[in-house]
Amino acid sequence: STTAADVDIYYTSETGTNDVVWVVRYECNADNGDLDDDAGDVTMASITDTVAAAELLNIVDAGTDFTSAEFAAVNTYCKVCVLRDANAVGDTHAADIGLLRLIVNYTAVTPLSPTA
């Protein structure tokens, strides 16, 4: 079987129309895994999005589905983290950003067995 997840970020800003850089990471842990260890985080995507206008809803698709055998494992805990990288060269938005919602669309697909 295969698994995939797609991340959508919903956000707003009180001012401006400049660019914002988002980073999406994930980490999966089995039973007794270390939840406090960020060293295992895998960066899924770095996305630059332009704020449409002040006080409007902005929706950005992370742009990359991520697939992992870790997601298919039984009793696996996966965390997904999203952060704004305001120090990135491409982040030109001077104002704060309000993260409104993070949606993770998760799918698990089991291939069909061929029939005789």
Protein backbone atom coordinates (compact mmCIF):
# COMPACT_ATOMS: atom_id res chain seq x y z
CA SER A 1 0.00 0.00 0.00
CA THR A 2 1.03 3.60 -0.46
CA THR A 3 0.17 6.71 1.47
CA ALA A 4 0.21 10.37 0.61
CA ALA A 5 -0.55 13.62 2.35
CA ASP A 6 -1.17 17.07 0.93
CA VAL A 7 -0.96 20.21 3.07
CA ASP A 8 -3.04 23.38 2.60
CA ILE A 9 -2.22 26.55 4.56
CA TYR A 10 -4.89 29.19 5.28
CA TYR A 11 -3.61 32.56 6.51
CA THR A 12 -4.19 36.32 6.58
CA SER A 13 -2.34 39.57 7.23
CA GLU A 14 -3.46 42.99 8.39
CA THR A 15 -1.31 44.77 5.81
CA GLY A 16 0.53 44.50 2.55
CA THR A 17 0.83 42.44 -0.58
CA ASN A 18 4.38 41.10 -0.32
CA ASP A 19 5.71 37.53 -0.34
CA VAL A 20 5.64 35.08 2.57
CA VAL A 21 7.78 31.92 2.79
CA TRP A 22 6.26 28.86 4.44
CA VAL A 23 8.12 25.68 5.41
CA VAL A 24 6.29 22.39 5.96
CA ARG A 25 8.01 19.52 7.78
CA TYR A 26 6.98 16.13 9.08
CA GLU A 27 8.31 13.40 11.31
CA CYS A 28 6.95 9.93 12.00
CA ASN A 29 7.58 7.92 15.15
CA ALA A 30 6.71 4.38 16.11
CA ASP A 31 5.85 3.29 19.64
CA ASN A 32 8.40 4.67 22.15
CA GLY A 33 9.74 7.11 19.54
CA ASP A 34 11.29 10.40 20.66
CA LEU A 35 8.67 13.14 20.13
CA ASP A 36 11.01 15.89 21.32
CA ASP A 37 13.70 15.22 18.73
CA ASP A 38 13.48 17.72 15.85
CA ALA A 39 16.57 16.19 14.24
CA GLY A 40 14.34 13.58 12.60
CA ASP A 41 12.11 16.16 10.92
CA VAL A 42 11.97 15.90 7.14
CA THR A 43 11.40 19.11 5.20
CA MET A 44 8.57 18.46 2.78
CA ALA A 45 8.39 21.81 1.03
CA SER A 46 9.34 25.45 1.11
CA ILE A 47 6.64 27.57 -0.51
CA THR A 48 6.58 31.26 -1.40
CA ASP A 49 3.14 32.83 -1.63
CA THR A 50 2.06 36.43 -2.24
CA VAL A 51 -0.34 38.02 0.24
CA ALA A 52 -3.35 39.00 -1.90
CA ALA A 53 -4.29 42.11 0.11
CA ALA A 54 -4.81 43.19 3.69
CA GLU A 55 -7.37 41.21 5.70
CA LEU A 56 -8.20 38.70 2.96
CA LEU A 57 -8.11 34.93 3.22
CA ASN A 58 -5.03 33.46 1.53
CA ILE A 59 -4.88 29.74 0.74
CA VAL A 60 -1.69 28.07 -0.40
CA ASP A 61 -1.25 24.45 -1.40
CA ALA A 62 2.11 23.14 -0.24
CA GLY A 63 2.54 22.10 -3.85
CA THR A 64 4.08 18.73 -3.14
CA ASP A 65 2.35 15.61 -1.94
CA PHE A 66 4.61 13.72 0.36
CA THR A 67 4.64 9.98 0.48
CA SER A 68 6.40 7.82 2.97
CA ALA A 69 6.53 4.19 4.00
CA GLU A 70 6.52 5.54 7.56
CA PHE A 71 2.93 6.69 7.12
CA ALA A 72 1.81 3.18 6.23
CA ALA A 73 3.26 1.61 9.37
CA VAL A 74 0.78 0.43 11.98
CA ASN A 75 0.72 2.44 15.23
CA THR A 76 2.82 5.24 13.78
CA TYR A 77 2.43 8.79 15.04
CA CYS A 78 3.18 11.51 12.49
CA LYS A 79 3.47 15.20 13.27
CA VAL A 80 3.23 17.89 10.62
CA CYS A 81 4.74 21.30 11.36
CA VAL A 82 4.27 24.51 9.42
CA LEU A 83 6.24 27.68 10.03
CA ARG A 84 6.83 31.01 8.40
CA ASP A 85 10.49 31.54 7.48
CA ALA A 86 10.58 35.33 7.89
CA ASN A 87 14.39 35.24 7.62
CA ALA A 88 14.32 33.73 4.13
CA VAL A 89 15.50 36.01 1.32
CA GLY A 90 12.19 35.53 -0.50
CA ASP A 91 10.07 36.58 2.49
CA THR A 92 9.50 40.28 1.87
CA HIS A 93 6.39 40.76 4.01
CA ALA A 94 7.22 43.01 6.97
CA ALA A 95 3.98 42.48 8.90
CA ASP A 96 2.87 39.57 11.05
CA ILE A 97 0.95 36.72 9.47
CA GLY A 98 -2.04 35.04 11.10
CA LEU A 99 -2.13 31.27 10.52
CA LEU A 100 -5.83 30.42 10.42
CA ARG A 101 -5.93 26.77 9.46
CA LEU A 102 -3.72 23.91 8.41
CA ILE A 103 -5.39 21.06 6.54
CA VAL A 104 -3.64 17.76 5.97
CA ASN A 105 -5.43 15.59 3.42
CA TYR A 106 -4.26 12.04 4.03
CA THR A 107 -4.92 9.07 1.78
CA ALA A 108 -3.95 5.43 2.00
CA VAL A 109 -4.18 3.35 -1.12
CA THR A 110 -4.05 -0.41 -1.22
CA PRO A 111 -3.30 -1.72 -4.69
CA LEU A 112 -5.80 -4.12 -6.18
CA SER A 113 -4.69 -7.70 -6.53
CA PRO A 114 -4.85 -9.09 -10.05
CA THR A 115 -7.57 -11.64 -10.54
CA ALA A 116 -7.18 -14.81 -12.50
